[in-house]
């Protein structure tokens, strides 16, 4: 069984279409303050490596959210399209943009030390604090 699939997604108004050729079946939640401010709650996303194509690129606005990452959204309807690591253009796309999600599984939560107390997921997942996330990505970017 493969852990990746190819899927299409789009923004709310349809101005941007996403073709993700390497969509990982594992869903992760980010509880960092920036993701919660961006979307009003935790970001639930799937990793799509760097094999992502966009139709309607002229409708994508990029926001440089940190020294290492940027976020894209539709300039027409405001839909959040991706979180992208600048080094290697690794994409994390909100899972809600995809219609075929039956084979996805929720496996990881990051920035758990920043998660507010007013919500909690019942799923058993791998849980990483901010310090653990930064250590993991520092290893990846230095190799």
N, C-alpha and C. Protein backbone atom coordinates (compact mmCIF):
# COMPACT_ATOMS: atom_id res chain seq x y z
N UNK A 1 0.84 -1.19 0.00
CA UNK A 1 0.00 0.00 0.00
C UNK A 1 0.88 1.24 0.00
N UNK A 2 0.58 2.16 -0.86
CA UNK A 2 1.35 3.40 -0.95
C UNK A 2 0.85 4.41 0.08
N UNK A 3 1.76 5.25 0.54
CA UNK A 3 1.41 6.27 1.52
C UNK A 3 1.12 7.62 0.88
N UNK A 4 1.19 7.69 -0.45
CA UNK A 4 0.91 8.95 -1.14
C UNK A 4 -0.07 8.71 -2.28
N UNK A 5 -0.78 9.78 -2.62
CA UNK A 5 -1.72 9.72 -3.74
C UNK A 5 -1.61 11.04 -4.51
N UNK A 6 -2.27 11.07 -5.64
CA UNK A 6 -2.35 12.29 -6.44
C UNK A 6 -3.77 12.80 -6.32
N UNK A 7 -3.92 14.09 -5.97
CA UNK A 7 -5.25 14.65 -5.80
C UNK A 7 -5.30 16.08 -6.27
N UNK A 8 -6.52 16.52 -6.57
CA UNK A 8 -6.78 17.91 -6.92
C UNK A 8 -7.54 18.56 -5.78
N UNK A 9 -7.33 19.86 -5.66
CA UNK A 9 -8.03 20.66 -4.67
C UNK A 9 -8.26 22.04 -5.26
N UNK A 10 -9.10 22.82 -4.61
CA UNK A 10 -9.30 24.19 -5.08
C UNK A 10 -9.69 25.07 -3.92
N UNK A 11 -9.59 26.36 -4.18
CA UNK A 11 -10.03 27.34 -3.19
C UNK A 11 -11.55 27.41 -3.21
N UNK A 12 -12.10 28.19 -2.33
CA UNK A 12 -13.55 28.32 -2.20
C UNK A 12 -14.21 28.83 -3.47
N UNK A 13 -13.61 29.80 -4.14
CA UNK A 13 -14.23 30.38 -5.33
C UNK A 13 -13.83 29.69 -6.63
N UNK A 14 -12.83 28.79 -6.57
CA UNK A 14 -12.38 28.07 -7.76
C UNK A 14 -11.36 28.81 -8.60
N UNK A 15 -10.89 29.96 -8.16
CA UNK A 15 -9.89 30.71 -8.91
C UNK A 15 -8.52 30.04 -8.92
N UNK A 16 -8.25 29.22 -7.89
CA UNK A 16 -6.98 28.50 -7.80
C UNK A 16 -7.28 27.01 -7.68
N UNK A 17 -6.64 26.22 -8.52
CA UNK A 17 -6.72 24.77 -8.46
C UNK A 17 -5.34 24.23 -8.13
N UNK A 18 -5.30 23.25 -7.27
CA UNK A 18 -4.04 22.64 -6.83
C UNK A 18 -4.00 21.20 -7.32
N UNK A 19 -2.89 20.82 -7.94
CA UNK A 19 -2.64 19.43 -8.31
C UNK A 19 -1.49 18.95 -7.45
N UNK A 20 -1.78 18.09 -6.49
CA UNK A 20 -0.77 17.56 -5.59
C UNK A 20 -0.47 16.12 -6.00
N UNK A 21 0.70 15.92 -6.58
CA UNK A 21 1.06 14.60 -7.10
C UNK A 21 1.64 13.67 -6.04
N UNK A 22 1.97 14.22 -4.87
CA UNK A 22 2.62 13.40 -3.85
C UNK A 22 1.98 13.68 -2.48
N UNK A 23 0.67 13.59 -2.42
CA UNK A 23 -0.08 13.87 -1.19
C UNK A 23 0.10 12.73 -0.20
N UNK A 24 0.66 13.04 0.96
CA UNK A 24 0.85 12.05 2.01
C UNK A 24 -0.51 11.76 2.65
N UNK A 25 -0.77 10.53 3.02
CA UNK A 25 -2.07 10.17 3.61
C UNK A 25 -2.16 10.51 5.09
N UNK A 26 -1.07 11.01 5.67
CA UNK A 26 -1.05 11.33 7.10
C UNK A 26 -1.35 12.80 7.33
N UNK A 27 -2.31 13.07 8.20
CA UNK A 27 -2.72 14.44 8.53
C UNK A 27 -2.02 14.85 9.82
N UNK A 28 -1.57 16.10 9.86
CA UNK A 28 -0.97 16.66 11.06
C UNK A 28 -1.70 17.94 11.45
N UNK A 29 -1.67 18.25 12.73
CA UNK A 29 -2.26 19.49 13.23
C UNK A 29 -1.15 20.36 13.80
N UNK A 30 -1.18 21.65 13.45
CA UNK A 30 -0.23 22.60 14.03
C UNK A 30 -1.01 23.53 14.95
N UNK A 31 -0.55 23.60 16.20
CA UNK A 31 -1.21 24.43 17.21
C UNK A 31 -0.46 25.74 17.48
N UNK A 32 0.52 26.08 16.65
CA UNK A 32 1.29 27.30 16.92
C UNK A 32 0.37 28.53 16.85
N UNK A 33 0.78 29.57 17.53
CA UNK A 33 -0.02 30.79 17.58
C UNK A 33 -0.26 31.38 16.19
N UNK A 34 0.74 31.28 15.32
CA UNK A 34 0.59 31.85 13.98
C UNK A 34 -0.46 31.09 13.16
N UNK A 35 -0.43 29.76 13.20
CA UNK A 35 -1.43 28.97 12.47
C UNK A 35 -2.83 29.24 13.02
N UNK A 36 -2.95 29.33 14.34
CA UNK A 36 -4.26 29.60 14.94
C UNK A 36 -4.76 30.99 14.57
N UNK A 37 -3.87 31.95 14.50
CA UNK A 37 -4.28 33.30 14.10
C UNK A 37 -4.66 33.32 12.62
N UNK A 38 -3.90 32.57 11.80
CA UNK A 38 -4.14 32.52 10.35
C UNK A 38 -5.51 31.94 10.03
N UNK A 39 -5.87 30.86 10.72
CA UNK A 39 -7.10 30.17 10.36
C UNK A 39 -8.17 30.12 11.43
N UNK A 40 -7.94 30.75 12.58
CA UNK A 40 -8.94 30.74 13.63
C UNK A 40 -8.96 29.47 14.44
N UNK A 41 -8.02 28.58 14.22
CA UNK A 41 -7.92 27.31 14.93
C UNK A 41 -6.68 26.60 14.46
N UNK A 42 -6.47 25.37 14.90
CA UNK A 42 -5.27 24.67 14.46
C UNK A 42 -5.30 24.40 12.96
N UNK A 43 -4.13 24.38 12.35
CA UNK A 43 -4.02 24.04 10.93
C UNK A 43 -3.97 22.53 10.80
N UNK A 44 -4.93 21.95 10.11
CA UNK A 44 -4.93 20.52 9.79
C UNK A 44 -4.47 20.41 8.35
N UNK A 45 -3.32 19.78 8.14
CA UNK A 45 -2.71 19.79 6.81
C UNK A 45 -2.09 18.45 6.47
N UNK A 46 -1.87 18.26 5.17
CA UNK A 46 -1.15 17.10 4.66
C UNK A 46 0.09 17.59 3.94
N UNK A 47 1.16 16.82 4.06
CA UNK A 47 2.40 17.15 3.37
C UNK A 47 2.29 16.71 1.92
N UNK A 48 2.76 17.56 1.02
CA UNK A 48 2.69 17.26 -0.41
C UNK A 48 4.06 17.36 -1.06
N UNK A 49 5.12 17.27 -0.31
CA UNK A 49 6.49 17.43 -0.78
C UNK A 49 6.59 18.68 -1.64
N UNK A 50 7.36 18.63 -2.71
CA UNK A 50 7.48 19.80 -3.59
C UNK A 50 6.87 19.55 -4.96
N UNK A 51 6.05 18.50 -5.06
CA UNK A 51 5.43 18.13 -6.33
C UNK A 51 3.99 18.66 -6.33
N UNK A 52 3.87 19.99 -6.47
CA UNK A 52 2.57 20.65 -6.45
C UNK A 52 2.51 21.62 -7.63
N UNK A 53 1.41 21.59 -8.35
CA UNK A 53 1.20 22.52 -9.46
C UNK A 53 -0.07 23.33 -9.19
N UNK A 54 -0.03 24.59 -9.60
CA UNK A 54 -1.16 25.47 -9.38
C UNK A 54 -1.68 26.00 -10.71
N UNK A 55 -3.00 26.00 -10.85
CA UNK A 55 -3.65 26.70 -11.96
C UNK A 55 -4.28 27.94 -11.35
N UNK A 56 -4.14 29.07 -12.01
CA UNK A 56 -4.63 30.33 -11.46
C UNK A 56 -3.62 30.98 -10.53
N UNK A 57 -2.32 30.77 -10.83
CA UNK A 57 -1.24 31.34 -10.01
C UNK A 57 -1.38 32.84 -9.81
N UNK A 58 -1.96 33.53 -10.79
CA UNK A 58 -2.11 34.98 -10.68
C UNK A 58 -3.04 35.38 -9.53
N UNK A 59 -3.78 34.41 -9.00
CA UNK A 59 -4.69 34.66 -7.88
C UNK A 59 -4.10 34.26 -6.54
N UNK A 60 -2.83 33.91 -6.51
CA UNK A 60 -2.19 33.51 -5.26
C UNK A 60 -1.37 34.67 -4.71
N UNK A 61 -1.60 34.99 -3.47
CA UNK A 61 -0.80 35.98 -2.76
C UNK A 61 0.05 35.23 -1.73
N UNK A 62 1.31 35.59 -1.66
CA UNK A 62 2.25 34.95 -0.74
C UNK A 62 2.53 35.89 0.42
N UNK A 63 2.48 35.33 1.62
CA UNK A 63 2.84 36.07 2.83
C UNK A 63 4.06 35.40 3.45
N UNK A 64 5.15 36.14 3.58
CA UNK A 64 6.37 35.61 4.19
C UNK A 64 6.17 35.63 5.71
N UNK A 65 5.85 34.46 6.27
CA UNK A 65 5.49 34.40 7.68
C UNK A 65 6.67 34.19 8.62
N UNK A 66 7.82 33.81 8.08
CA UNK A 66 9.02 33.65 8.90
C UNK A 66 10.23 33.61 7.97
N UNK A 67 11.40 33.49 8.55
CA UNK A 67 12.62 33.43 7.76
C UNK A 67 12.69 32.14 6.94
N UNK A 68 11.98 31.12 7.34
CA UNK A 68 12.08 29.81 6.69
C UNK A 68 10.80 29.37 5.97
N UNK A 69 9.69 30.11 6.12
CA UNK A 69 8.44 29.64 5.52
C UNK A 69 7.58 30.79 5.05
N UNK A 70 6.64 30.44 4.17
CA UNK A 70 5.67 31.40 3.67
C UNK A 70 4.32 30.72 3.53
N UNK A 71 3.29 31.53 3.48
CA UNK A 71 1.92 31.04 3.39
C UNK A 71 1.28 31.63 2.15
N UNK A 72 0.48 30.82 1.47
CA UNK A 72 -0.20 31.29 0.28
C UNK A 72 -1.70 31.26 0.47
N UNK A 73 -2.37 32.27 -0.10
CA UNK A 73 -3.82 32.30 -0.03
C UNK A 73 -4.38 32.85 -1.33
N UNK A 74 -5.64 32.56 -1.60
CA UNK A 74 -6.30 33.05 -2.80
C UNK A 74 -6.62 34.53 -2.60
N UNK A 75 -6.18 35.36 -3.53
CA UNK A 75 -6.42 36.79 -3.43
C UNK A 75 -7.87 37.15 -3.76
N UNK A 76 -8.64 36.21 -4.30
CA UNK A 76 -10.05 36.47 -4.63
C UNK A 76 -10.99 36.16 -3.47
N UNK A 77 -10.80 34.97 -2.84
CA UNK A 77 -11.74 34.56 -1.78
C UNK A 77 -11.09 34.41 -0.41
N UNK A 78 -9.76 34.48 -0.35
CA UNK A 78 -9.06 34.40 0.92
C UNK A 78 -8.75 33.00 1.42
N UNK A 79 -9.12 31.98 0.67
CA UNK A 79 -8.85 30.61 1.11
C UNK A 79 -7.36 30.40 1.35
N UNK A 80 -7.04 29.76 2.46
CA UNK A 80 -5.66 29.41 2.77
C UNK A 80 -5.27 28.23 1.91
N UNK A 81 -4.22 28.40 1.09
CA UNK A 81 -3.84 27.38 0.12
C UNK A 81 -2.68 26.51 0.55
N UNK A 82 -1.70 27.10 1.25
CA UNK A 82 -0.55 26.31 1.65
C UNK A 82 0.32 27.02 2.67
N UNK A 83 1.07 26.20 3.37
CA UNK A 83 2.22 26.62 4.17
C UNK A 83 3.39 25.99 3.45
N UNK A 84 4.42 26.76 3.13
CA UNK A 84 5.52 26.24 2.31
C UNK A 84 6.86 26.60 2.95
N UNK A 85 7.70 25.57 3.11
CA UNK A 85 9.07 25.80 3.56
C UNK A 85 9.86 26.35 2.40
N UNK A 86 10.60 27.42 2.62
CA UNK A 86 11.34 28.06 1.53
C UNK A 86 12.45 27.16 1.00
N UNK A 87 13.14 26.47 1.88
CA UNK A 87 14.20 25.57 1.43
C UNK A 87 13.57 24.30 0.88
N UNK A 88 13.67 24.09 -0.39
CA UNK A 88 13.13 22.89 -1.02
C UNK A 88 11.67 22.99 -1.40
N UNK A 89 11.02 24.10 -1.10
CA UNK A 89 9.60 24.29 -1.41
C UNK A 89 8.75 23.09 -1.01
N UNK A 90 8.84 22.69 0.23
CA UNK A 90 8.02 21.61 0.77
C UNK A 90 6.66 22.19 1.16
N UNK A 91 5.58 21.66 0.58
CA UNK A 91 4.23 22.18 0.78
C UNK A 91 3.46 21.38 1.83
N UNK A 92 2.71 22.10 2.64
CA UNK A 92 1.73 21.54 3.56
C UNK A 92 0.42 22.22 3.20
N UNK A 93 -0.55 21.42 2.77
CA UNK A 93 -1.80 21.97 2.25
C UNK A 93 -2.94 21.62 3.19
N UNK A 94 -3.80 22.60 3.53
CA UNK A 94 -4.92 22.32 4.42
C UNK A 94 -5.77 21.16 3.88
N UNK A 95 -6.02 20.20 4.74
CA UNK A 95 -6.71 18.99 4.32
C UNK A 95 -8.13 19.27 3.84
N UNK A 96 -8.75 20.32 4.34
CA UNK A 96 -10.11 20.65 3.94
C UNK A 96 -10.27 21.05 2.48
N UNK A 97 -9.16 21.34 1.79
CA UNK A 97 -9.24 21.70 0.38
C UNK A 97 -9.46 20.48 -0.52
N UNK A 98 -9.18 19.29 0.00
CA UNK A 98 -9.31 18.06 -0.79
C UNK A 98 -10.67 17.41 -0.54
N UNK A 99 -11.28 16.88 -1.59
CA UNK A 99 -12.60 16.24 -1.43
C UNK A 99 -12.49 14.75 -1.12
N UNK A 100 -11.46 14.09 -1.58
CA UNK A 100 -11.30 12.65 -1.36
C UNK A 100 -10.37 12.42 -0.16
N UNK A 101 -10.96 12.35 1.03
CA UNK A 101 -10.15 12.25 2.24
C UNK A 101 -10.39 10.96 3.03
N UNK A 102 -11.08 10.01 2.43
CA UNK A 102 -11.43 8.77 3.14
C UNK A 102 -10.21 7.95 3.56
N UNK A 103 -9.10 8.06 2.83
CA UNK A 103 -7.92 7.25 3.15
C UNK A 103 -6.93 7.99 4.06
N UNK A 104 -7.28 9.18 4.53
CA UNK A 104 -6.36 9.95 5.35
C UNK A 104 -6.48 9.55 6.82
N UNK A 105 -5.37 9.69 7.55
CA UNK A 105 -5.35 9.35 8.96
C UNK A 105 -4.61 10.45 9.73
N UNK A 106 -5.17 10.83 10.87
CA UNK A 106 -4.62 11.88 11.73
C UNK A 106 -3.55 11.28 12.63
N UNK A 107 -2.27 11.68 12.44
CA UNK A 107 -1.18 10.99 13.13
C UNK A 107 -0.27 11.87 13.97
N UNK A 108 -0.31 13.20 13.78
CA UNK A 108 0.71 14.04 14.43
C UNK A 108 0.15 15.39 14.81
N UNK A 109 0.63 15.91 15.95
CA UNK A 109 0.32 17.26 16.38
C UNK A 109 1.63 17.95 16.75
N UNK A 110 1.78 19.18 16.28
CA UNK A 110 3.01 19.91 16.58
C UNK A 110 2.67 21.21 17.31
N UNK A 111 3.68 21.74 17.99
CA UNK A 111 3.53 22.93 18.84
C UNK A 111 2.46 22.68 19.91
N UNK A 112 2.48 21.48 20.47
CA UNK A 112 1.48 21.12 21.48
C UNK A 112 1.61 21.97 22.73
N UNK A 113 2.80 22.51 22.98
CA UNK A 113 2.97 23.38 24.15
C UNK A 113 2.34 24.75 23.94
N UNK A 114 1.91 25.07 22.71
CA UNK A 114 1.23 26.33 22.43
C UNK A 114 -0.27 26.16 22.28
N UNK A 115 -0.75 24.91 22.36
CA UNK A 115 -2.18 24.63 22.19
C UNK A 115 -2.96 25.20 23.37
N UNK A 116 -4.01 25.97 23.10
CA UNK A 116 -4.82 26.48 24.21
C UNK A 116 -5.63 25.35 24.86
N UNK A 117 -6.06 25.57 26.07
CA UNK A 117 -6.77 24.54 26.83
C UNK A 117 -8.22 24.33 26.39
N UNK A 118 -8.78 25.22 25.57
CA UNK A 118 -10.21 25.13 25.24
C UNK A 118 -10.58 24.07 24.21
N UNK A 119 -9.60 23.38 23.61
CA UNK A 119 -9.93 22.27 22.73
C UNK A 119 -8.92 21.15 22.91
N UNK A 120 -9.32 19.94 22.50
CA UNK A 120 -8.46 18.77 22.62
C UNK A 120 -8.93 17.73 21.62
N UNK A 121 -7.99 17.14 20.87
CA UNK A 121 -8.34 16.06 19.95
C UNK A 121 -8.25 14.73 20.69
N UNK A 122 -9.18 13.84 20.43
CA UNK A 122 -9.22 12.55 21.11
C UNK A 122 -8.28 11.52 20.46
N UNK A 123 -7.86 11.76 19.21
CA UNK A 123 -7.00 10.81 18.50
C UNK A 123 -5.68 10.63 19.24
N UNK A 124 -5.15 9.42 19.19
CA UNK A 124 -3.81 9.17 19.70
C UNK A 124 -2.84 9.49 18.58
N UNK A 125 -1.96 10.48 18.82
CA UNK A 125 -1.04 10.96 17.80
C UNK A 125 0.34 11.15 18.39
N UNK A 126 1.31 11.31 17.52
CA UNK A 126 2.63 11.77 17.95
C UNK A 126 2.47 13.24 18.30
N UNK A 127 3.04 13.67 19.42
CA UNK A 127 2.91 15.05 19.86
C UNK A 127 4.29 15.66 20.06
N UNK A 128 4.53 16.80 19.39
CA UNK A 128 5.82 17.48 19.48
C UNK A 128 5.64 18.90 19.98
N UNK A 129 6.51 19.31 20.90
CA UNK A 129 6.53 20.69 21.37
C UNK A 129 7.25 21.55 20.33
N UNK A 130 7.23 22.85 20.53
CA UNK A 130 7.93 23.78 19.63
C UNK A 130 9.41 23.44 19.57
N UNK A 131 10.03 23.20 20.71
CA UNK A 131 11.46 22.87 20.76
C UNK A 131 11.77 21.61 19.95
N UNK A 132 10.91 20.60 20.06
CA UNK A 132 11.11 19.35 19.31
C UNK A 132 10.93 19.56 17.81
N UNK A 133 9.97 20.41 17.42
CA UNK A 133 9.76 20.70 16.00
C UNK A 133 10.97 21.41 15.42
N UNK A 134 11.46 22.44 16.12
CA UNK A 134 12.62 23.18 15.62
C UNK A 134 13.85 22.26 15.51
N UNK A 135 14.02 21.37 16.46
CA UNK A 135 15.14 20.44 16.41
C UNK A 135 15.01 19.50 15.21
N UNK A 136 13.81 19.01 14.96
CA UNK A 136 13.57 18.10 13.83
C UNK A 136 13.87 18.79 12.50
N UNK A 137 13.38 20.03 12.32
CA UNK A 137 13.59 20.72 11.05
C UNK A 137 15.01 21.24 10.90
N UNK A 138 15.69 21.50 11.99
CA UNK A 138 17.09 21.90 11.92
C UNK A 138 17.92 20.72 11.40
N UNK A 139 17.61 19.52 11.87
CA UNK A 139 18.30 18.31 11.38
C UNK A 139 18.07 18.13 9.88
N UNK A 140 16.84 18.31 9.44
CA UNK A 140 16.49 18.11 8.03
C UNK A 140 17.20 19.13 7.16
N UNK A 141 17.22 20.39 7.56
CA UNK A 141 17.81 21.43 6.71
C UNK A 141 19.33 21.39 6.71
N UNK A 142 19.94 20.75 7.70
CA UNK A 142 21.39 20.66 7.74
C UNK A 142 21.93 19.42 7.08
N UNK A 143 21.06 18.49 6.72
CA UNK A 143 21.54 17.25 6.08
C UNK A 143 21.56 17.36 4.59
